Amino acid sequence: MADPLFDAAERAQLSDLLGELGPDAPTLLAPWTTRDIAAHLVQREHDSLAGPGLFLGGAWGRFAERRRVEAVRRARFGM
């Protein structure tokens, strides 16, 4: 089991890095930007409807991707 303090520190570092880079920085997962990565991580942690699609693919995957794209559209990066 992961150490909760390590997880919190790792999330804080990632959050800081995403904030420093800004929402439109390129990533190794092109064409995704840092905004897409942030939306994916938030979706993974908080969107119980789309969660299965992150792993199952098919119709679930398409559903999850539509929800992620919508989250990216609505998001205010750094807020």
N, C-alpha and C. Protein backbone atom coordinates (compact mmCIF):
# COMPACT_ATOMS: atom_id res chain seq x y z
N MET A 1 0.85 -1.18 0.00
CA MET A 1 0.00 0.00 0.00
C MET A 1 0.89 1.24 0.00
N ALA A 2 0.48 2.23 -0.77
CA ALA A 2 1.27 3.46 -0.88
C ALA A 2 1.19 4.27 0.41
N ASP A 3 2.24 5.00 0.66
CA ASP A 3 2.29 5.89 1.82
C ASP A 3 1.49 7.15 1.50
N PRO A 4 0.44 7.44 2.28
CA PRO A 4 -0.39 8.62 1.99
C PRO A 4 0.39 9.93 1.98
N LEU A 5 1.39 10.04 2.84
CA LEU A 5 2.18 11.27 2.87
C LEU A 5 3.00 11.41 1.58
N PHE A 6 3.53 10.28 1.10
CA PHE A 6 4.27 10.31 -0.16
C PHE A 6 3.33 10.70 -1.31
N ASP A 7 2.14 10.10 -1.33
CA ASP A 7 1.16 10.43 -2.37
C ASP A 7 0.84 11.92 -2.36
N ALA A 8 0.60 12.47 -1.18
CA ALA A 8 0.25 13.89 -1.07
C ALA A 8 1.40 14.76 -1.56
N ALA A 9 2.62 14.40 -1.20
CA ALA A 9 3.79 15.18 -1.64
C ALA A 9 3.96 15.08 -3.15
N GLU A 10 3.76 13.89 -3.69
CA GLU A 10 3.90 13.70 -5.13
C GLU A 10 2.83 14.50 -5.88
N ARG A 11 1.60 14.49 -5.39
CA ARG A 11 0.53 15.27 -6.02
C ARG A 11 0.83 16.77 -5.95
N ALA A 12 1.34 17.22 -4.83
CA ALA A 12 1.67 18.64 -4.68
C ALA A 12 2.76 19.04 -5.68
N GLN A 13 3.77 18.19 -5.84
CA GLN A 13 4.84 18.48 -6.80
C GLN A 13 4.31 18.51 -8.23
N LEU A 14 3.44 17.56 -8.57
CA LEU A 14 2.86 17.54 -9.91
C LEU A 14 2.00 18.78 -10.14
N SER A 15 1.22 19.14 -9.14
CA SER A 15 0.38 20.33 -9.25
C SER A 15 1.24 21.58 -9.47
N ASP A 16 2.31 21.70 -8.70
CA ASP A 16 3.22 22.83 -8.87
C ASP A 16 3.82 22.86 -10.27
N LEU A 17 4.25 21.69 -10.76
CA LEU A 17 4.85 21.61 -12.08
C LEU A 17 3.85 22.01 -13.16
N LEU A 18 2.63 21.48 -13.07
CA LEU A 18 1.61 21.84 -14.06
C LEU A 18 1.33 23.35 -14.02
N GLY A 19 1.31 23.92 -12.82
CA GLY A 19 1.11 25.36 -12.69
C GLY A 19 2.24 26.16 -13.31
N GLU A 20 3.46 25.71 -13.11
CA GLU A 20 4.63 26.40 -13.69
C GLU A 20 4.60 26.33 -15.22
N LEU A 21 4.24 25.16 -15.75
CA LEU A 21 4.25 24.97 -17.20
C LEU A 21 3.10 25.68 -17.89
N GLY A 22 1.99 25.85 -17.18
CA GLY A 22 0.81 26.47 -17.78
C GLY A 22 -0.04 25.44 -18.50
N PRO A 23 -1.23 25.84 -18.91
CA PRO A 23 -2.20 24.88 -19.45
C PRO A 23 -1.91 24.37 -20.86
N ASP A 24 -1.12 25.05 -21.62
CA ASP A 24 -0.93 24.68 -23.02
C ASP A 24 0.45 24.11 -23.34
N ALA A 25 1.19 23.72 -22.32
CA ALA A 25 2.52 23.16 -22.56
C ALA A 25 2.38 21.77 -23.19
N PRO A 26 3.26 21.43 -24.13
CA PRO A 26 3.22 20.11 -24.74
C PRO A 26 3.64 19.04 -23.74
N THR A 27 3.20 17.81 -24.00
CA THR A 27 3.58 16.68 -23.16
C THR A 27 4.12 15.56 -24.04
N LEU A 28 4.63 14.53 -23.41
CA LEU A 28 5.09 13.36 -24.16
C LEU A 28 3.93 12.56 -24.73
N LEU A 29 2.71 12.90 -24.33
CA LEU A 29 1.51 12.21 -24.81
C LEU A 29 0.81 13.04 -25.89
N ALA A 30 1.59 13.59 -26.82
CA ALA A 30 1.03 14.43 -27.88
C ALA A 30 -0.13 13.71 -28.54
N PRO A 31 -1.20 14.42 -28.81
CA PRO A 31 -1.36 15.87 -28.82
C PRO A 31 -1.84 16.45 -27.49
N TRP A 32 -1.86 15.67 -26.42
CA TRP A 32 -2.30 16.19 -25.13
C TRP A 32 -1.37 17.27 -24.62
N THR A 33 -1.98 18.29 -24.01
CA THR A 33 -1.23 19.34 -23.33
C THR A 33 -1.30 19.10 -21.83
N THR A 34 -0.68 19.97 -21.08
CA THR A 34 -0.75 19.85 -19.62
C THR A 34 -2.19 19.98 -19.13
N ARG A 35 -3.01 20.76 -19.82
CA ARG A 35 -4.44 20.87 -19.46
C ARG A 35 -5.13 19.50 -19.60
N ASP A 36 -4.81 18.77 -20.66
CA ASP A 36 -5.40 17.44 -20.87
C ASP A 36 -4.96 16.47 -19.77
N ILE A 37 -3.69 16.53 -19.41
CA ILE A 37 -3.18 15.65 -18.35
C ILE A 37 -3.89 15.96 -17.03
N ALA A 38 -4.01 17.24 -16.71
CA ALA A 38 -4.69 17.62 -15.46
C ALA A 38 -6.14 17.14 -15.47
N ALA A 39 -6.84 17.32 -16.60
CA ALA A 39 -8.23 16.87 -16.68
C ALA A 39 -8.34 15.36 -16.52
N HIS A 40 -7.41 14.63 -17.11
CA HIS A 40 -7.40 13.18 -16.98
C HIS A 40 -7.22 12.76 -15.52
N LEU A 41 -6.30 13.41 -14.84
CA LEU A 41 -6.05 13.05 -13.44
C LEU A 41 -7.24 13.39 -12.55
N VAL A 42 -7.86 14.51 -12.78
CA VAL A 42 -9.05 14.88 -12.00
C VAL A 42 -10.17 13.89 -12.29
N GLN A 43 -10.33 13.54 -13.56
CA GLN A 43 -11.36 12.58 -13.94
C GLN A 43 -11.11 11.24 -13.26
N ARG A 44 -9.88 10.80 -13.25
CA ARG A 44 -9.54 9.51 -12.64
C ARG A 44 -9.89 9.49 -11.16
N GLU A 45 -9.68 10.61 -10.49
CA GLU A 45 -9.90 10.67 -9.05
C GLU A 45 -11.35 10.97 -8.67
N HIS A 46 -12.09 11.69 -9.52
CA HIS A 46 -13.38 12.23 -9.08
C HIS A 46 -14.58 11.90 -9.96
N ASP A 47 -14.39 11.31 -11.12
CA ASP A 47 -15.51 11.06 -12.02
C ASP A 47 -15.83 9.56 -12.04
N SER A 48 -16.71 9.16 -11.15
CA SER A 48 -17.03 7.73 -11.03
C SER A 48 -17.76 7.19 -12.26
N LEU A 49 -18.43 8.05 -13.00
CA LEU A 49 -19.11 7.59 -14.22
C LEU A 49 -18.11 7.26 -15.33
N ALA A 50 -17.11 8.09 -15.49
CA ALA A 50 -16.15 7.89 -16.58
C ALA A 50 -15.00 6.97 -16.18
N GLY A 51 -14.80 6.76 -14.90
CA GLY A 51 -13.68 5.97 -14.42
C GLY A 51 -13.47 4.65 -15.14
N PRO A 52 -14.53 3.82 -15.31
CA PRO A 52 -14.32 2.53 -15.98
C PRO A 52 -13.76 2.68 -17.39
N GLY A 53 -14.14 3.75 -18.07
CA GLY A 53 -13.67 3.96 -19.44
C GLY A 53 -12.20 4.24 -19.55
N LEU A 54 -11.58 4.62 -18.46
CA LEU A 54 -10.14 4.86 -18.48
C LEU A 54 -9.38 3.54 -18.61
N PHE A 55 -10.07 2.43 -18.32
CA PHE A 55 -9.42 1.12 -18.35
C PHE A 55 -10.05 0.14 -19.34
N LEU A 56 -11.35 0.30 -19.61
CA LEU A 56 -12.07 -0.70 -20.39
C LEU A 56 -12.04 -0.47 -21.90
N GLY A 57 -11.95 0.76 -22.33
CA GLY A 57 -11.96 1.04 -23.76
C GLY A 57 -13.35 0.87 -24.35
N GLY A 58 -13.43 0.72 -25.67
CA GLY A 58 -14.72 0.55 -26.35
C GLY A 58 -15.65 1.71 -26.08
N ALA A 59 -16.94 1.40 -25.91
CA ALA A 59 -17.94 2.43 -25.66
C ALA A 59 -17.64 3.18 -24.36
N TRP A 60 -17.18 2.46 -23.34
CA TRP A 60 -16.82 3.12 -22.07
C TRP A 60 -15.68 4.10 -22.29
N GLY A 61 -14.69 3.70 -23.08
CA GLY A 61 -13.55 4.58 -23.36
C GLY A 61 -13.97 5.83 -24.11
N ARG A 62 -14.84 5.67 -25.08
CA ARG A 62 -15.33 6.84 -25.83
C ARG A 62 -16.13 7.77 -24.92
N PHE A 63 -16.92 7.19 -24.03
CA PHE A 63 -17.69 7.97 -23.06
C PHE A 63 -16.74 8.76 -22.15
N ALA A 64 -15.72 8.08 -21.63
CA ALA A 64 -14.75 8.74 -20.75
C ALA A 64 -14.02 9.86 -21.49
N GLU A 65 -13.66 9.63 -22.74
CA GLU A 65 -12.95 10.65 -23.51
C GLU A 65 -13.84 11.86 -23.76
N ARG A 66 -15.11 11.65 -24.06
CA ARG A 66 -16.02 12.79 -24.23
C ARG A 66 -16.13 13.60 -22.94
N ARG A 67 -16.18 12.92 -21.80
CA ARG A 67 -16.25 13.63 -20.52
C ARG A 67 -14.96 14.38 -20.24
N ARG A 68 -13.81 13.78 -20.62
CA ARG A 68 -12.53 14.46 -20.40
C ARG A 68 -12.44 15.71 -21.26
N VAL A 69 -12.84 15.59 -22.53
CA VAL A 69 -12.81 16.74 -23.44
C VAL A 69 -13.71 17.85 -22.92
N GLU A 70 -14.88 17.49 -22.42
CA GLU A 70 -15.79 18.49 -21.86
C GLU A 70 -15.17 19.14 -20.62
N ALA A 71 -14.51 18.35 -19.79
CA ALA A 71 -13.85 18.90 -18.60
C ALA A 71 -12.74 19.87 -18.99
N VAL A 72 -11.99 19.54 -20.03
CA VAL A 72 -10.93 20.44 -20.53
C VAL A 72 -11.55 21.75 -21.00
N ARG A 73 -12.66 21.66 -21.71
CA ARG A 73 -13.32 22.85 -22.23
C ARG A 73 -13.79 23.77 -21.10
N ARG A 74 -14.29 23.19 -20.00
CA ARG A 74 -14.84 23.97 -18.90
C ARG A 74 -13.77 24.44 -17.90
N ALA A 75 -12.63 23.77 -17.88
CA ALA A 75 -11.65 23.98 -16.81
C ALA A 75 -11.02 25.37 -16.82
N ARG A 76 -10.76 25.84 -15.63
CA ARG A 76 -9.98 27.06 -15.43
C ARG A 76 -8.67 26.61 -14.79
N PHE A 77 -7.66 26.51 -15.59
CA PHE A 77 -6.36 26.00 -15.14
C PHE A 77 -5.79 26.91 -14.07
N GLY A 78 -5.27 26.30 -13.00
CA GLY A 78 -4.61 27.06 -11.95
C GLY A 78 -5.55 27.64 -10.93
N MET A 79 -6.82 27.30 -11.00
CA MET A 79 -7.79 27.83 -10.04
C MET A 79 -7.99 26.85 -8.91
